[in-house]
Amino acid sequence: MRAHGCELRTPRADFRTPFGHKHEKQEEIYVIRRRQRRVKIDDDVYDVKQWDAVRVGPGVMRNFEAGPNGLELIAMGARRHRRATPRWCRDGGSTRRLADR
């Protein structure tokens, strides 16, 4: 378990990180601790709410967007470098419920 990490992330209200990222060989699990908003996984956008858990596999682009009251999420995964892709988060798609995937 030394190679794994856990982090509480608390982006401010309506914040969207200006890049997406992915890991070539690892997966991550995100748990929405409080509040709600959206997650973009590859080309799909999903609504997420408190206590939703999102598993993102290797090679899959991801990013979260905070709602009007912010967002608290727990990120769990291996401690590795990530590859960022600027401006990837500009979504033009419709939002779906995470349970629809």
N, C-alpha and C. Protein backbone atom coordinates (compact mmCIF):
# COMPACT_ATOMS: atom_id res chain seq x y z
N MET A 1 0.80 -1.19 0.00
CA MET A 1 0.00 0.00 0.00
C MET A 1 0.85 1.27 0.00
N ARG A 2 2.15 1.15 0.07
CA ARG A 2 2.98 2.35 0.06
C ARG A 2 2.90 3.09 -1.28
N ALA A 3 2.56 2.40 -2.32
CA ALA A 3 2.51 3.03 -3.64
C ALA A 3 1.18 3.72 -3.91
N HIS A 4 0.26 3.70 -2.94
CA HIS A 4 -1.06 4.30 -3.13
C HIS A 4 -1.20 5.56 -2.30
N GLY A 5 -2.06 6.43 -2.76
CA GLY A 5 -2.31 7.66 -2.05
C GLY A 5 -3.79 7.97 -2.01
N CYS A 6 -4.14 8.88 -1.10
CA CYS A 6 -5.52 9.32 -0.94
C CYS A 6 -5.46 10.82 -0.68
N GLU A 7 -6.35 11.56 -1.32
CA GLU A 7 -6.30 13.01 -1.21
C GLU A 7 -7.72 13.56 -1.19
N LEU A 8 -7.96 14.54 -0.31
CA LEU A 8 -9.22 15.26 -0.29
C LEU A 8 -9.06 16.50 -1.17
N ARG A 9 -9.91 16.62 -2.17
CA ARG A 9 -9.87 17.78 -3.07
C ARG A 9 -11.11 18.62 -2.83
N THR A 10 -10.93 19.94 -2.75
CA THR A 10 -12.04 20.84 -2.47
C THR A 10 -12.01 22.04 -3.43
N PRO A 11 -12.32 21.82 -4.70
CA PRO A 11 -12.34 22.96 -5.62
C PRO A 11 -13.43 23.95 -5.25
N ARG A 12 -13.16 25.23 -5.45
CA ARG A 12 -14.11 26.30 -5.10
C ARG A 12 -15.34 26.24 -6.01
N ALA A 13 -16.33 27.03 -5.68
CA ALA A 13 -17.59 27.06 -6.43
C ALA A 13 -17.36 27.31 -7.92
N ASP A 14 -18.03 26.52 -8.74
CA ASP A 14 -18.02 26.64 -10.21
C ASP A 14 -16.64 26.50 -10.84
N PHE A 15 -15.69 25.90 -10.13
CA PHE A 15 -14.34 25.74 -10.67
C PHE A 15 -14.25 24.49 -11.55
N ARG A 16 -13.60 24.64 -12.67
CA ARG A 16 -13.28 23.52 -13.56
C ARG A 16 -11.79 23.61 -13.86
N THR A 17 -11.06 22.54 -13.57
CA THR A 17 -9.63 22.53 -13.88
C THR A 17 -9.45 22.74 -15.38
N PRO A 18 -8.50 23.58 -15.79
CA PRO A 18 -8.37 23.91 -17.21
C PRO A 18 -7.69 22.82 -18.06
N PHE A 19 -7.56 21.62 -17.53
CA PHE A 19 -6.98 20.52 -18.30
C PHE A 19 -7.59 19.20 -17.84
N GLY A 20 -7.56 18.23 -18.73
CA GLY A 20 -7.92 16.87 -18.36
C GLY A 20 -6.63 16.10 -18.11
N HIS A 21 -6.73 14.95 -17.45
CA HIS A 21 -5.53 14.13 -17.29
C HIS A 21 -5.89 12.66 -17.33
N LYS A 22 -4.87 11.87 -17.59
CA LYS A 22 -5.05 10.42 -17.61
C LYS A 22 -3.75 9.77 -17.15
N HIS A 23 -3.85 8.52 -16.78
CA HIS A 23 -2.70 7.72 -16.38
C HIS A 23 -2.62 6.52 -17.30
N GLU A 24 -1.45 6.23 -17.79
CA GLU A 24 -1.29 5.15 -18.76
C GLU A 24 -1.50 3.77 -18.16
N LYS A 25 -1.10 3.56 -16.88
CA LYS A 25 -1.12 2.20 -16.33
C LYS A 25 -1.85 2.07 -15.01
N GLN A 26 -2.53 3.07 -14.56
CA GLN A 26 -3.20 2.95 -13.27
C GLN A 26 -4.64 3.41 -13.35
N GLU A 27 -5.41 2.96 -12.38
CA GLU A 27 -6.78 3.42 -12.25
C GLU A 27 -6.88 4.32 -11.03
N GLU A 28 -7.93 5.12 -10.97
CA GLU A 28 -8.21 5.94 -9.81
C GLU A 28 -9.67 5.76 -9.43
N ILE A 29 -9.95 5.97 -8.15
CA ILE A 29 -11.32 5.95 -7.66
C ILE A 29 -11.57 7.28 -6.98
N TYR A 30 -12.68 7.89 -7.32
CA TYR A 30 -13.08 9.17 -6.72
C TYR A 30 -14.40 8.95 -5.99
N VAL A 31 -14.49 9.47 -4.77
CA VAL A 31 -15.73 9.42 -4.00
C VAL A 31 -16.16 10.86 -3.73
N ILE A 32 -17.41 11.17 -4.10
CA ILE A 32 -17.94 12.51 -3.86
C ILE A 32 -18.32 12.58 -2.39
N ARG A 33 -17.59 13.37 -1.62
CA ARG A 33 -17.81 13.44 -0.18
C ARG A 33 -18.93 14.41 0.17
N ARG A 34 -18.99 15.51 -0.51
CA ARG A 34 -20.01 16.51 -0.22
C ARG A 34 -20.26 17.37 -1.44
N ARG A 35 -21.47 17.80 -1.57
CA ARG A 35 -21.94 18.64 -2.66
C ARG A 35 -22.03 17.82 -3.95
N GLN A 36 -22.24 18.47 -5.05
CA GLN A 36 -22.42 17.72 -6.30
C GLN A 36 -22.02 18.58 -7.49
N ARG A 37 -21.88 17.95 -8.64
CA ARG A 37 -21.69 18.63 -9.92
C ARG A 37 -21.50 17.61 -11.02
N ARG A 38 -20.39 17.74 -11.76
CA ARG A 38 -20.22 16.89 -12.94
C ARG A 38 -18.81 16.33 -13.03
N VAL A 39 -18.71 15.21 -13.75
CA VAL A 39 -17.42 14.62 -14.07
C VAL A 39 -17.42 14.36 -15.58
N LYS A 40 -16.30 14.60 -16.21
CA LYS A 40 -16.14 14.28 -17.63
C LYS A 40 -15.18 13.10 -17.71
N ILE A 41 -15.64 12.03 -18.35
CA ILE A 41 -14.83 10.83 -18.54
C ILE A 41 -14.76 10.58 -20.03
N ASP A 42 -13.56 10.71 -20.60
CA ASP A 42 -13.37 10.72 -22.05
C ASP A 42 -14.34 11.75 -22.65
N ASP A 43 -15.25 11.34 -23.50
CA ASP A 43 -16.14 12.32 -24.15
C ASP A 43 -17.52 12.42 -23.49
N ASP A 44 -17.72 11.74 -22.37
CA ASP A 44 -19.02 11.73 -21.72
C ASP A 44 -19.00 12.56 -20.44
N VAL A 45 -20.10 13.28 -20.18
CA VAL A 45 -20.23 14.11 -18.99
C VAL A 45 -21.37 13.53 -18.15
N TYR A 46 -21.11 13.38 -16.84
CA TYR A 46 -22.09 12.79 -15.93
C TYR A 46 -22.32 13.68 -14.72
N ASP A 47 -23.55 13.72 -14.24
CA ASP A 47 -23.86 14.35 -12.96
C ASP A 47 -23.40 13.41 -11.85
N VAL A 48 -22.82 13.96 -10.79
CA VAL A 48 -22.44 13.17 -9.63
C VAL A 48 -22.98 13.84 -8.38
N LYS A 49 -23.26 13.03 -7.38
CA LYS A 49 -23.80 13.56 -6.13
C LYS A 49 -23.09 12.90 -4.94
N GLN A 50 -23.42 13.34 -3.74
CA GLN A 50 -22.77 12.85 -2.53
C GLN A 50 -22.79 11.32 -2.47
N TRP A 51 -21.62 10.77 -2.16
CA TRP A 51 -21.34 9.35 -1.99
C TRP A 51 -21.34 8.53 -3.28
N ASP A 52 -21.44 9.19 -4.45
CA ASP A 52 -21.17 8.47 -5.69
C ASP A 52 -19.70 8.11 -5.72
N ALA A 53 -19.38 6.93 -6.22
CA ALA A 53 -17.99 6.52 -6.42
C ALA A 53 -17.77 6.35 -7.92
N VAL A 54 -16.66 6.90 -8.40
CA VAL A 54 -16.36 6.87 -9.83
C VAL A 54 -15.00 6.18 -10.01
N ARG A 55 -14.99 5.06 -10.71
CA ARG A 55 -13.74 4.38 -11.04
C ARG A 55 -13.35 4.78 -12.45
N VAL A 56 -12.10 5.19 -12.60
CA VAL A 56 -11.60 5.59 -13.92
C VAL A 56 -10.39 4.71 -14.23
N GLY A 57 -10.48 3.97 -15.31
CA GLY A 57 -9.44 3.02 -15.68
C GLY A 57 -8.22 3.67 -16.33
N PRO A 58 -7.20 2.87 -16.57
CA PRO A 58 -5.99 3.35 -17.23
C PRO A 58 -6.29 3.89 -18.63
N GLY A 59 -5.60 4.95 -19.00
CA GLY A 59 -5.73 5.51 -20.34
C GLY A 59 -7.00 6.31 -20.58
N VAL A 60 -7.80 6.52 -19.55
CA VAL A 60 -9.08 7.24 -19.70
C VAL A 60 -8.91 8.67 -19.18
N MET A 61 -9.28 9.64 -20.02
CA MET A 61 -9.20 11.05 -19.64
C MET A 61 -10.32 11.37 -18.66
N ARG A 62 -10.02 12.22 -17.66
CA ARG A 62 -11.01 12.58 -16.66
C ARG A 62 -10.79 13.99 -16.13
N ASN A 63 -11.90 14.53 -15.57
CA ASN A 63 -11.85 15.83 -14.89
C ASN A 63 -13.17 16.07 -14.18
N PHE A 64 -13.13 16.87 -13.13
CA PHE A 64 -14.32 17.21 -12.35
C PHE A 64 -14.59 18.70 -12.43
N GLU A 65 -15.85 19.05 -12.27
CA GLU A 65 -16.27 20.45 -12.23
C GLU A 65 -17.09 20.63 -10.96
N ALA A 66 -16.75 21.67 -10.18
CA ALA A 66 -17.49 21.96 -8.95
C ALA A 66 -18.79 22.68 -9.27
N GLY A 67 -19.77 22.51 -8.42
CA GLY A 67 -21.05 23.19 -8.56
C GLY A 67 -21.02 24.55 -7.91
N PRO A 68 -22.17 25.21 -7.80
CA PRO A 68 -22.24 26.56 -7.25
C PRO A 68 -21.84 26.63 -5.78
N ASN A 69 -21.83 25.50 -5.06
CA ASN A 69 -21.41 25.47 -3.66
C ASN A 69 -20.07 24.79 -3.47
N GLY A 70 -19.34 24.58 -4.55
CA GLY A 70 -18.06 23.91 -4.48
C GLY A 70 -18.22 22.40 -4.61
N LEU A 71 -17.20 21.66 -4.23
CA LEU A 71 -17.19 20.21 -4.34
C LEU A 71 -16.16 19.67 -3.37
N GLU A 72 -16.45 18.55 -2.74
CA GLU A 72 -15.45 17.84 -1.95
C GLU A 72 -15.41 16.41 -2.45
N LEU A 73 -14.23 15.98 -2.88
CA LEU A 73 -14.10 14.60 -3.34
C LEU A 73 -12.82 14.00 -2.82
N ILE A 74 -12.87 12.70 -2.64
CA ILE A 74 -11.70 11.94 -2.20
C ILE A 74 -11.16 11.21 -3.42
N ALA A 75 -9.89 11.44 -3.73
CA ALA A 75 -9.24 10.80 -4.86
C ALA A 75 -8.28 9.73 -4.32
N MET A 76 -8.39 8.51 -4.87
CA MET A 76 -7.53 7.41 -4.43
C MET A 76 -6.88 6.76 -5.64
N GLY A 77 -5.59 6.51 -5.54
CA GLY A 77 -4.88 5.87 -6.64
C GLY A 77 -3.41 5.75 -6.33
N ALA A 78 -2.67 5.24 -7.28
CA ALA A 78 -1.22 5.11 -7.13
C ALA A 78 -0.56 6.47 -7.25
N ARG A 79 0.56 6.62 -6.62
CA ARG A 79 1.31 7.88 -6.70
C ARG A 79 2.20 7.84 -7.93
N ARG A 80 1.69 8.38 -9.01
CA ARG A 80 2.42 8.40 -10.28
C ARG A 80 2.23 9.75 -10.93
N HIS A 81 3.06 10.02 -11.91
CA HIS A 81 2.90 11.26 -12.67
C HIS A 81 1.74 11.11 -13.65
N ARG A 82 1.07 12.20 -13.92
CA ARG A 82 -0.05 12.17 -14.86
C ARG A 82 0.31 12.99 -16.09
N ARG A 83 -0.38 12.72 -17.16
CA ARG A 83 -0.19 13.47 -18.40
C ARG A 83 -1.39 14.41 -18.57
N ALA A 84 -1.13 15.71 -18.51
CA ALA A 84 -2.20 16.70 -18.63
C ALA A 84 -2.43 17.07 -20.09
N THR A 85 -3.67 17.36 -20.43
CA THR A 85 -4.04 17.78 -21.76
C THR A 85 -4.79 19.11 -21.66
N PRO A 86 -4.14 20.23 -21.96
CA PRO A 86 -4.77 21.54 -21.83
C PRO A 86 -6.05 21.66 -22.66
N ARG A 87 -7.00 22.39 -22.14
CA ARG A 87 -8.26 22.73 -22.81
C ARG A 87 -9.12 21.52 -23.13
N TRP A 88 -8.81 20.35 -22.60
CA TRP A 88 -9.59 19.16 -22.88
C TRP A 88 -11.00 19.26 -22.30
N CYS A 89 -11.16 20.01 -21.23
CA CYS A 89 -12.43 20.05 -20.51
C CYS A 89 -13.53 20.83 -21.20
N ARG A 90 -13.26 21.49 -22.26
CA ARG A 90 -14.31 22.23 -22.97
C ARG A 90 -15.29 21.22 -23.55
N ASP A 91 -16.38 21.05 -22.86
CA ASP A 91 -17.34 20.04 -23.30
C ASP A 91 -18.42 20.66 -24.14
N GLY A 92 -18.86 19.96 -25.13
CA GLY A 92 -19.96 20.41 -25.96
C GLY A 92 -21.10 19.41 -25.89
N GLY A 93 -20.90 18.39 -25.07
CA GLY A 93 -21.89 17.33 -25.01
C GLY A 93 -22.94 17.57 -23.96
N SER A 94 -23.91 16.69 -23.95
CA SER A 94 -24.97 16.78 -22.95
C SER A 94 -24.56 16.05 -21.69
N THR A 95 -25.17 16.41 -20.59
CA THR A 95 -24.87 15.79 -19.30
C THR A 95 -25.78 14.60 -19.10
N ARG A 96 -25.20 13.48 -18.63
CA ARG A 96 -25.97 12.28 -18.32
C ARG A 96 -25.76 11.92 -16.86
N ARG A 97 -26.68 11.18 -16.31
CA ARG A 97 -26.49 10.70 -14.95
C ARG A 97 -25.42 9.61 -14.96
N LEU A 98 -24.60 9.60 -13.92
CA LEU A 98 -23.52 8.61 -13.83
C LEU A 98 -24.07 7.19 -13.89
N ALA A 99 -25.24 6.97 -13.33
CA ALA A 99 -25.83 5.63 -13.31
C ALA A 99 -26.18 5.14 -14.72
N ASP A 100 -26.26 6.04 -15.69
CA ASP A 100 -26.60 5.66 -17.07
C ASP A 100 -25.43 4.99 -17.79
N ARG A 101 -24.23 5.09 -17.25
CA ARG A 101 -23.07 4.55 -17.95
C ARG A 101 -22.89 3.11 -17.70
